[in-house]
């Protein structure tokens, strides 16, 4: 049996180990130009400081996957609605509500079992229920597996973002 549940803001610390694993994964793939790699715990605190208020305000949802109700999480997805002011809608011609998948991670040992797809669908369903017509997702340059995963879910490239250290 597998279980996907939405966690309340008060339970965000349950995904600490998953977020640290994602940080390590990103560090192994690439460090964007001009970025100084963060300490794992600093990265966790920064992620938590962003996620917790969104969850408290009810504009985001944090889904976790567990092999059983008592098991440690082996995957998570954080999704939020995007305020219209953050979108370049006049430039894009975009209409309707937009969501953003801020985080999706599955432990390395649990990959290729459909957990990521189930978490992605939970996030997309949450966004659809709130009127979103598009869900944005970013992945690091060099994250070939992540890009393939998102394309299998139906996401398509829309922009390429480049960075130059100054």
N, C-alpha and C. Protein backbone atom coordinates (compact mmCIF):
# COMPACT_ATOMS: atom_id res chain seq x y z
N UNK A 1 0.84 -1.18 0.00
CA UNK A 1 0.00 0.00 0.00
C UNK A 1 0.89 1.24 0.00
N UNK A 2 0.52 2.24 -0.79
CA UNK A 2 1.21 3.52 -0.75
C UNK A 2 0.21 4.59 -0.36
N UNK A 3 0.72 5.62 0.27
CA UNK A 3 -0.14 6.68 0.79
C UNK A 3 0.43 8.03 0.38
N UNK A 4 -0.41 8.86 -0.23
CA UNK A 4 -0.04 10.26 -0.50
C UNK A 4 -0.97 11.11 0.34
N UNK A 5 -0.38 11.98 1.14
CA UNK A 5 -1.16 12.87 2.01
C UNK A 5 -0.63 14.28 1.89
N UNK A 6 -1.51 15.24 2.16
CA UNK A 6 -1.10 16.64 2.25
C UNK A 6 -0.72 16.92 3.70
N UNK A 7 0.43 17.52 3.89
CA UNK A 7 0.88 17.86 5.24
C UNK A 7 0.51 19.30 5.57
N UNK A 8 0.10 19.53 6.79
CA UNK A 8 -0.15 20.89 7.28
C UNK A 8 1.18 21.59 7.51
N UNK A 9 1.16 22.90 7.54
CA UNK A 9 2.37 23.69 7.73
C UNK A 9 3.14 23.27 8.99
N UNK A 10 2.42 22.89 10.03
CA UNK A 10 3.06 22.50 11.29
C UNK A 10 3.88 21.23 11.15
N UNK A 11 3.70 20.48 10.07
CA UNK A 11 4.40 19.20 9.90
C UNK A 11 5.49 19.29 8.82
N UNK A 12 5.84 20.50 8.40
CA UNK A 12 6.80 20.67 7.33
C UNK A 12 8.16 20.03 7.65
N UNK A 13 8.52 19.96 8.92
CA UNK A 13 9.82 19.38 9.28
C UNK A 13 9.92 17.89 8.95
N UNK A 14 8.81 17.24 8.68
CA UNK A 14 8.83 15.83 8.30
C UNK A 14 9.53 15.59 6.96
N UNK A 15 9.71 16.64 6.17
CA UNK A 15 10.35 16.47 4.86
C UNK A 15 11.81 16.96 4.85
N UNK A 16 12.35 17.23 6.03
CA UNK A 16 13.72 17.72 6.14
C UNK A 16 14.71 16.83 5.38
N UNK A 17 14.68 15.54 5.65
CA UNK A 17 15.64 14.62 5.02
C UNK A 17 15.47 14.59 3.50
N UNK A 18 14.24 14.67 3.02
CA UNK A 18 14.00 14.69 1.57
C UNK A 18 14.59 15.95 0.94
N UNK A 19 14.41 17.08 1.59
CA UNK A 19 14.91 18.34 1.04
C UNK A 19 16.43 18.34 1.03
N UNK A 20 17.06 17.75 2.05
CA UNK A 20 18.52 17.64 2.08
C UNK A 20 18.98 16.74 0.94
N UNK A 21 18.26 15.64 0.70
CA UNK A 21 18.63 14.75 -0.42
C UNK A 21 18.53 15.48 -1.75
N UNK A 22 17.49 16.30 -1.92
CA UNK A 22 17.36 17.08 -3.15
C UNK A 22 18.51 18.08 -3.28
N UNK A 23 18.89 18.71 -2.19
CA UNK A 23 20.02 19.65 -2.22
C UNK A 23 21.28 18.93 -2.70
N UNK A 24 21.54 17.75 -2.20
CA UNK A 24 22.72 16.98 -2.61
C UNK A 24 22.64 16.61 -4.09
N UNK A 25 21.45 16.23 -4.52
CA UNK A 25 21.25 15.88 -5.93
C UNK A 25 21.56 17.08 -6.82
N UNK A 26 21.01 18.25 -6.47
CA UNK A 26 21.26 19.45 -7.26
C UNK A 26 22.75 19.81 -7.27
N UNK A 27 23.41 19.70 -6.13
CA UNK A 27 24.84 20.02 -6.05
C UNK A 27 25.66 19.10 -6.94
N UNK A 28 25.22 17.85 -7.07
CA UNK A 28 25.95 16.89 -7.90
C UNK A 28 25.74 17.16 -9.39
N UNK A 29 24.61 17.76 -9.74
CA UNK A 29 24.31 18.02 -11.16
C UNK A 29 25.07 19.24 -11.65
N UNK A 30 24.82 20.38 -11.01
CA UNK A 30 25.42 21.62 -11.47
C UNK A 30 25.19 22.72 -10.44
N UNK A 31 26.06 23.68 -10.47
CA UNK A 31 25.86 24.90 -9.70
C UNK A 31 25.74 26.03 -10.71
N UNK A 32 24.59 26.73 -10.73
CA UNK A 32 24.43 27.81 -11.72
C UNK A 32 25.51 28.87 -11.58
N UNK A 33 25.85 29.53 -12.68
CA UNK A 33 26.88 30.57 -12.65
C UNK A 33 26.55 31.64 -11.61
N UNK A 34 27.54 32.03 -10.85
CA UNK A 34 27.36 33.09 -9.88
C UNK A 34 26.79 32.64 -8.55
N UNK A 35 26.40 31.37 -8.43
CA UNK A 35 25.84 30.86 -7.17
C UNK A 35 26.95 30.28 -6.33
N UNK A 36 26.89 30.55 -5.06
CA UNK A 36 27.80 29.93 -4.11
C UNK A 36 27.03 28.79 -3.46
N UNK A 37 27.51 27.55 -3.58
CA UNK A 37 26.77 26.43 -2.99
C UNK A 37 26.54 26.66 -1.49
N UNK A 38 25.32 26.36 -1.04
CA UNK A 38 24.96 26.53 0.36
C UNK A 38 25.23 25.26 1.14
N UNK A 39 25.43 25.44 2.40
CA UNK A 39 25.45 24.35 3.35
C UNK A 39 24.06 23.70 3.34
N UNK A 40 24.00 22.39 3.53
CA UNK A 40 22.71 21.67 3.48
C UNK A 40 21.69 22.23 4.46
N UNK A 41 22.12 22.51 5.67
CA UNK A 41 21.18 23.01 6.67
C UNK A 41 20.73 24.43 6.37
N UNK A 42 21.62 25.24 5.81
CA UNK A 42 21.24 26.58 5.40
C UNK A 42 20.21 26.50 4.27
N UNK A 43 20.43 25.59 3.33
CA UNK A 43 19.47 25.41 2.23
C UNK A 43 18.12 24.95 2.78
N UNK A 44 18.13 24.05 3.77
CA UNK A 44 16.89 23.59 4.38
C UNK A 44 16.15 24.76 5.04
N UNK A 45 16.88 25.55 5.83
CA UNK A 45 16.25 26.68 6.52
C UNK A 45 15.64 27.66 5.52
N UNK A 46 16.34 27.91 4.43
CA UNK A 46 15.84 28.82 3.41
C UNK A 46 14.56 28.26 2.76
N UNK A 47 14.59 26.97 2.40
CA UNK A 47 13.41 26.33 1.80
C UNK A 47 12.24 26.36 2.77
N UNK A 48 12.49 26.03 4.02
CA UNK A 48 11.43 26.00 5.04
C UNK A 48 10.85 27.39 5.25
N UNK A 49 11.72 28.42 5.26
CA UNK A 49 11.27 29.80 5.45
C UNK A 49 10.38 30.26 4.30
N UNK A 50 10.56 29.68 3.14
CA UNK A 50 9.69 30.01 2.00
C UNK A 50 8.42 29.17 2.02
N UNK A 51 8.55 27.89 2.31
CA UNK A 51 7.40 26.98 2.23
C UNK A 51 6.38 27.18 3.35
N UNK A 52 6.85 27.30 4.57
CA UNK A 52 5.93 27.35 5.72
C UNK A 52 4.91 28.48 5.63
N UNK A 53 5.31 29.71 5.31
CA UNK A 53 4.30 30.76 5.20
C UNK A 53 3.27 30.51 4.09
N UNK A 54 3.73 29.97 2.97
CA UNK A 54 2.80 29.65 1.87
C UNK A 54 1.77 28.63 2.33
N UNK A 55 2.22 27.63 3.08
CA UNK A 55 1.32 26.61 3.60
C UNK A 55 0.37 27.21 4.64
N UNK A 56 0.88 28.04 5.52
CA UNK A 56 0.04 28.70 6.54
C UNK A 56 -1.04 29.56 5.88
N UNK A 57 -0.67 30.25 4.80
CA UNK A 57 -1.62 31.14 4.11
C UNK A 57 -2.62 30.38 3.26
N UNK A 58 -2.39 29.09 3.07
CA UNK A 58 -3.31 28.28 2.27
C UNK A 58 -3.14 28.46 0.77
N UNK A 59 -2.02 29.04 0.33
CA UNK A 59 -1.79 29.23 -1.11
C UNK A 59 -0.83 28.19 -1.66
N UNK A 60 -0.53 27.17 -0.86
CA UNK A 60 0.35 26.09 -1.29
C UNK A 60 -0.09 24.80 -0.62
N UNK A 61 0.37 23.69 -1.19
CA UNK A 61 0.12 22.37 -0.61
C UNK A 61 1.40 21.56 -0.67
N UNK A 62 1.63 20.80 0.39
CA UNK A 62 2.80 19.93 0.48
C UNK A 62 2.31 18.49 0.55
N UNK A 63 2.58 17.73 -0.50
CA UNK A 63 2.17 16.33 -0.56
C UNK A 63 3.38 15.45 -0.28
N UNK A 64 3.16 14.39 0.49
CA UNK A 64 4.22 13.42 0.73
C UNK A 64 3.72 12.04 0.36
N UNK A 65 4.66 11.21 -0.05
CA UNK A 65 4.38 9.81 -0.35
C UNK A 65 5.05 8.97 0.72
N UNK A 66 4.32 8.00 1.23
CA UNK A 66 4.85 7.05 2.21
C UNK A 66 4.47 5.64 1.75
N UNK A 67 5.34 4.70 2.02
CA UNK A 67 5.04 3.31 1.68
C UNK A 67 3.90 2.78 2.55
N UNK A 68 3.76 3.32 3.75
CA UNK A 68 2.65 3.00 4.65
C UNK A 68 2.40 4.24 5.50
N UNK A 69 1.29 4.27 6.19
CA UNK A 69 0.94 5.44 6.98
C UNK A 69 1.99 5.78 8.03
N UNK A 70 2.72 4.79 8.53
CA UNK A 70 3.71 5.02 9.58
C UNK A 70 5.13 5.22 9.04
N UNK A 71 5.33 5.01 7.76
CA UNK A 71 6.68 5.08 7.18
C UNK A 71 7.16 6.51 7.02
N UNK A 72 8.48 6.66 6.95
CA UNK A 72 9.08 7.96 6.64
C UNK A 72 8.72 8.34 5.20
N UNK A 73 8.57 9.63 4.91
CA UNK A 73 8.29 10.03 3.52
C UNK A 73 9.42 9.62 2.58
N UNK A 74 9.04 9.11 1.41
CA UNK A 74 10.06 8.80 0.42
C UNK A 74 9.90 9.65 -0.83
N UNK A 75 8.99 10.62 -0.77
CA UNK A 75 8.82 11.58 -1.85
C UNK A 75 7.96 12.74 -1.38
N UNK A 76 8.15 13.90 -2.02
CA UNK A 76 7.32 15.05 -1.68
C UNK A 76 7.19 15.97 -2.88
N UNK A 77 6.11 16.75 -2.86
CA UNK A 77 5.87 17.78 -3.87
C UNK A 77 5.28 18.99 -3.18
N UNK A 78 5.81 20.17 -3.49
CA UNK A 78 5.29 21.43 -2.98
C UNK A 78 4.80 22.24 -4.17
N UNK A 79 3.53 22.62 -4.14
CA UNK A 79 2.92 23.38 -5.23
C UNK A 79 2.26 24.62 -4.65
N UNK A 80 2.27 25.70 -5.42
CA UNK A 80 1.63 26.94 -4.98
C UNK A 80 0.94 27.62 -6.16
N UNK A 81 -0.02 28.44 -5.84
CA UNK A 81 -0.64 29.27 -6.85
C UNK A 81 0.24 30.50 -7.05
N UNK A 82 0.36 30.96 -8.28
CA UNK A 82 1.19 32.12 -8.58
C UNK A 82 0.31 33.37 -8.63
N UNK A 83 0.68 34.40 -7.88
CA UNK A 83 -0.06 35.66 -8.00
C UNK A 83 0.09 36.22 -9.41
N UNK A 84 -0.98 36.80 -9.93
CA UNK A 84 -0.96 37.35 -11.29
C UNK A 84 0.16 38.36 -11.47
N UNK A 85 0.49 39.10 -10.42
CA UNK A 85 1.54 40.12 -10.53
C UNK A 85 2.91 39.52 -10.82
N UNK A 86 3.10 38.23 -10.52
CA UNK A 86 4.41 37.60 -10.76
C UNK A 86 4.55 37.07 -12.18
N UNK A 87 3.49 37.13 -12.94
CA UNK A 87 3.53 36.58 -14.29
C UNK A 87 3.65 37.69 -15.33
N UNK A 88 4.34 37.37 -16.40
CA UNK A 88 4.45 38.30 -17.53
C UNK A 88 3.30 38.02 -18.50
N UNK A 89 2.08 37.97 -17.98
CA UNK A 89 0.95 37.59 -18.82
C UNK A 89 0.75 38.49 -20.03
N UNK A 90 0.87 39.82 -19.90
CA UNK A 90 0.67 40.62 -21.11
C UNK A 90 1.66 40.25 -22.21
N UNK A 91 2.89 39.93 -21.82
CA UNK A 91 3.90 39.54 -22.81
C UNK A 91 3.58 38.16 -23.36
N UNK A 92 3.16 37.26 -22.49
CA UNK A 92 2.93 35.88 -22.90
C UNK A 92 1.57 35.67 -23.55
N UNK A 93 0.64 36.57 -23.27
CA UNK A 93 -0.73 36.35 -23.73
C UNK A 93 -1.43 35.30 -22.90
N UNK A 94 -0.90 35.01 -21.71
CA UNK A 94 -1.47 33.97 -20.86
C UNK A 94 -2.72 34.47 -20.15
N UNK A 95 -3.68 33.60 -20.01
CA UNK A 95 -4.89 33.93 -19.27
C UNK A 95 -5.13 32.84 -18.24
N UNK A 96 -5.99 33.14 -17.27
CA UNK A 96 -6.33 32.14 -16.27
C UNK A 96 -5.31 32.10 -15.15
N UNK A 97 -5.60 31.26 -14.16
CA UNK A 97 -4.74 31.11 -13.00
C UNK A 97 -3.56 30.20 -13.32
N UNK A 98 -2.44 30.47 -12.68
CA UNK A 98 -1.24 29.67 -12.87
C UNK A 98 -0.76 29.13 -11.52
N UNK A 99 -0.17 27.95 -11.56
CA UNK A 99 0.43 27.34 -10.37
C UNK A 99 1.90 27.08 -10.67
N UNK A 100 2.67 26.85 -9.61
CA UNK A 100 4.07 26.49 -9.80
C UNK A 100 4.41 25.32 -8.90
N UNK A 101 5.01 24.30 -9.49
CA UNK A 101 5.54 23.18 -8.72
C UNK A 101 6.92 23.61 -8.23
N UNK A 102 7.00 23.96 -6.96
CA UNK A 102 8.25 24.49 -6.40
C UNK A 102 9.27 23.41 -6.10
N UNK A 103 8.80 22.25 -5.68
CA UNK A 103 9.70 21.15 -5.31
C UNK A 103 9.04 19.82 -5.63
N UNK A 104 9.79 18.92 -6.20
CA UNK A 104 9.37 17.53 -6.33
C UNK A 104 10.63 16.68 -6.17
N UNK A 105 10.60 15.78 -5.21
CA UNK A 105 11.75 14.92 -4.99
C UNK A 105 11.27 13.54 -4.54
N UNK A 106 11.95 12.52 -5.05
CA UNK A 106 11.73 11.14 -4.63
C UNK A 106 13.11 10.59 -4.25
N UNK A 107 13.17 9.92 -3.12
CA UNK A 107 14.45 9.33 -2.69
C UNK A 107 15.00 8.45 -3.81
N UNK A 108 16.30 8.47 -3.97
CA UNK A 108 16.95 7.71 -5.04
C UNK A 108 16.54 6.25 -5.01
N UNK A 109 16.46 5.66 -3.82
CA UNK A 109 16.13 4.23 -3.69
C UNK A 109 14.68 3.92 -4.07
N UNK A 110 13.83 4.94 -4.16
CA UNK A 110 12.41 4.72 -4.44
C UNK A 110 12.00 5.18 -5.84
N UNK A 111 12.97 5.59 -6.66
CA UNK A 111 12.64 6.09 -8.00
C UNK A 111 12.23 4.95 -8.93
N UNK A 112 11.56 5.33 -10.01
CA UNK A 112 11.08 4.41 -11.06
C UNK A 112 9.98 3.48 -10.56
N UNK A 113 9.25 3.92 -9.54
CA UNK A 113 8.13 3.12 -9.02
C UNK A 113 6.80 3.86 -9.16
N UNK A 114 6.80 4.98 -9.88
CA UNK A 114 5.57 5.74 -10.09
C UNK A 114 5.27 6.76 -9.00
N UNK A 115 6.16 6.89 -8.03
CA UNK A 115 5.93 7.82 -6.92
C UNK A 115 5.97 9.26 -7.41
N UNK A 116 6.95 9.61 -8.22
CA UNK A 116 7.04 10.97 -8.75
C UNK A 116 5.81 11.33 -9.56
N UNK A 117 5.35 10.41 -10.40
CA UNK A 117 4.15 10.68 -11.21
C UNK A 117 2.93 10.88 -10.32
N UNK A 118 2.82 10.08 -9.25
CA UNK A 118 1.68 10.23 -8.34
C UNK A 118 1.73 11.56 -7.60
N UNK A 119 2.92 11.97 -7.18
CA UNK A 119 3.07 13.26 -6.51
C UNK A 119 2.79 14.41 -7.48
N UNK A 120 3.29 14.29 -8.69
CA UNK A 120 3.04 15.31 -9.72
C UNK A 120 1.55 15.46 -9.95
N UNK A 121 0.85 14.35 -10.06
CA UNK A 121 -0.59 14.40 -10.30
C UNK A 121 -1.34 14.97 -9.09
N UNK A 122 -0.89 14.66 -7.88
CA UNK A 122 -1.52 15.25 -6.69
C UNK A 122 -1.37 16.77 -6.72
N UNK A 123 -0.17 17.25 -7.07
CA UNK A 123 0.07 18.69 -7.16
C UNK A 123 -0.77 19.32 -8.27
N UNK A 124 -0.79 18.67 -9.44
CA UNK A 124 -1.58 19.21 -10.56
C UNK A 124 -3.06 19.21 -10.24
N UNK A 125 -3.54 18.17 -9.57
CA UNK A 125 -4.95 18.11 -9.19
C UNK A 125 -5.31 19.22 -8.21
N UNK A 126 -4.43 19.47 -7.24
CA UNK A 126 -4.65 20.55 -6.28
C UNK A 126 -4.75 21.88 -7.01
N UNK A 127 -3.83 22.09 -7.96
CA UNK A 127 -3.82 23.34 -8.73
C UNK A 127 -5.08 23.47 -9.59
N UNK A 128 -5.46 22.39 -10.27
CA UNK A 128 -6.69 22.42 -11.09
C UNK A 128 -7.90 22.75 -10.24
N UNK A 129 -7.97 22.16 -9.04
CA UNK A 129 -9.10 22.42 -8.14
C UNK A 129 -9.19 23.89 -7.74
N UNK A 130 -8.09 24.62 -7.85
CA UNK A 130 -8.07 26.04 -7.51
C UNK A 130 -8.14 26.92 -8.75
N UNK A 131 -8.43 26.31 -9.89
CA UNK A 131 -8.64 27.08 -11.11
C UNK A 131 -7.43 27.26 -11.99
N UNK A 132 -6.31 26.65 -11.66
CA UNK A 132 -5.12 26.81 -12.49
C UNK A 132 -5.31 26.16 -13.86
N UNK A 133 -4.86 26.83 -14.87
CA UNK A 133 -4.90 26.29 -16.23
C UNK A 133 -3.51 25.88 -16.71
N UNK A 134 -2.48 26.31 -15.97
CA UNK A 134 -1.09 25.99 -16.29
C UNK A 134 -0.33 25.76 -14.98
N UNK A 135 0.57 24.79 -14.99
CA UNK A 135 1.48 24.60 -13.86
C UNK A 135 2.90 24.76 -14.38
N UNK A 136 3.63 25.71 -13.81
CA UNK A 136 5.02 25.95 -14.16
C UNK A 136 5.91 25.02 -13.34
N UNK A 137 7.01 24.62 -13.92
CA UNK A 137 8.01 23.84 -13.19
C UNK A 137 9.37 24.17 -13.77
N UNK A 138 10.34 24.35 -12.89
CA UNK A 138 11.73 24.59 -13.31
C UNK A 138 12.55 23.37 -12.95
N UNK A 139 13.59 23.13 -13.74
CA UNK A 139 14.56 22.11 -13.38
C UNK A 139 15.93 22.63 -13.75
N UNK A 140 16.91 22.17 -13.05
CA UNK A 140 18.28 22.65 -13.28
C UNK A 140 18.80 22.22 -14.64
N UNK A 141 19.60 23.09 -15.22
CA UNK A 141 20.32 22.72 -16.43
C UNK A 141 21.18 21.51 -16.07
N UNK A 142 21.20 20.53 -16.90
CA UNK A 142 21.97 19.32 -16.62
C UNK A 142 21.16 18.23 -15.94
N UNK A 143 19.94 18.55 -15.49
CA UNK A 143 19.10 17.53 -14.85
C UNK A 143 18.29 16.81 -15.94
N UNK A 144 18.97 16.02 -16.72
CA UNK A 144 18.37 15.33 -17.86
C UNK A 144 17.23 14.41 -17.41
N UNK A 145 17.44 13.67 -16.33
CA UNK A 145 16.39 12.77 -15.83
C UNK A 145 15.17 13.56 -15.38
N UNK A 146 15.38 14.69 -14.71
CA UNK A 146 14.26 15.52 -14.28
C UNK A 146 13.49 16.08 -15.46
N UNK A 147 14.19 16.56 -16.47
CA UNK A 147 13.54 17.09 -17.66
C UNK A 147 12.71 16.01 -18.36
N UNK A 148 13.29 14.83 -18.51
CA UNK A 148 12.54 13.72 -19.13
C UNK A 148 11.30 13.37 -18.32
N UNK A 149 11.44 13.35 -16.98
CA UNK A 149 10.30 13.04 -16.12
C UNK A 149 9.17 14.05 -16.35
N UNK A 150 9.49 15.34 -16.31
CA UNK A 150 8.44 16.35 -16.47
C UNK A 150 7.81 16.28 -17.86
N UNK A 151 8.60 15.99 -18.87
CA UNK A 151 8.03 15.84 -20.21
C UNK A 151 7.11 14.63 -20.29
N UNK A 152 7.45 13.54 -19.58
CA UNK A 152 6.55 12.38 -19.55
C UNK A 152 5.23 12.72 -18.88
N UNK A 153 5.24 13.69 -17.97
CA UNK A 153 4.01 14.10 -17.29
C UNK A 153 3.17 15.04 -18.15
N UNK A 154 3.73 15.51 -19.27
CA UNK A 154 3.00 16.40 -20.17
C UNK A 154 3.50 17.82 -20.20
N UNK A 155 4.50 18.16 -19.38
CA UNK A 155 5.08 19.50 -19.40
C UNK A 155 5.95 19.66 -20.65
N UNK A 156 5.97 20.87 -21.17
CA UNK A 156 6.76 21.16 -22.35
C UNK A 156 7.61 22.40 -22.10
N UNK A 157 8.82 22.44 -22.68
CA UNK A 157 9.66 23.64 -22.52
C UNK A 157 8.93 24.88 -23.02
N UNK A 158 9.03 25.97 -22.24
CA UNK A 158 8.41 27.23 -22.64
C UNK A 158 9.44 28.35 -22.73
N UNK A 159 10.44 28.34 -21.86
CA UNK A 159 11.47 29.36 -21.83
C UNK A 159 12.79 28.71 -21.52
N UNK A 160 13.84 29.38 -21.89
CA UNK A 160 15.18 29.00 -21.46
C UNK A 160 15.72 30.18 -20.69
N UNK A 161 16.13 29.95 -19.46
CA UNK A 161 16.67 31.01 -18.63
C UNK A 161 18.16 30.84 -18.54
N UNK A 162 18.89 31.90 -18.88
CA UNK A 162 20.34 31.88 -18.84
C UNK A 162 20.81 32.78 -17.70
N UNK A 163 21.95 32.47 -17.12
CA UNK A 163 22.51 33.27 -16.05
C UNK A 163 23.96 33.59 -16.37
N UNK A 164 24.35 34.81 -16.05
CA UNK A 164 25.74 35.23 -16.23
C UNK A 164 26.22 35.86 -14.94
N UNK A 165 27.32 35.35 -14.38
CA UNK A 165 27.85 36.01 -13.18
C UNK A 165 28.38 37.40 -13.54
N UNK A 166 28.15 38.34 -12.66
CA UNK A 166 28.62 39.72 -12.91
C UNK A 166 29.62 40.14 -11.85
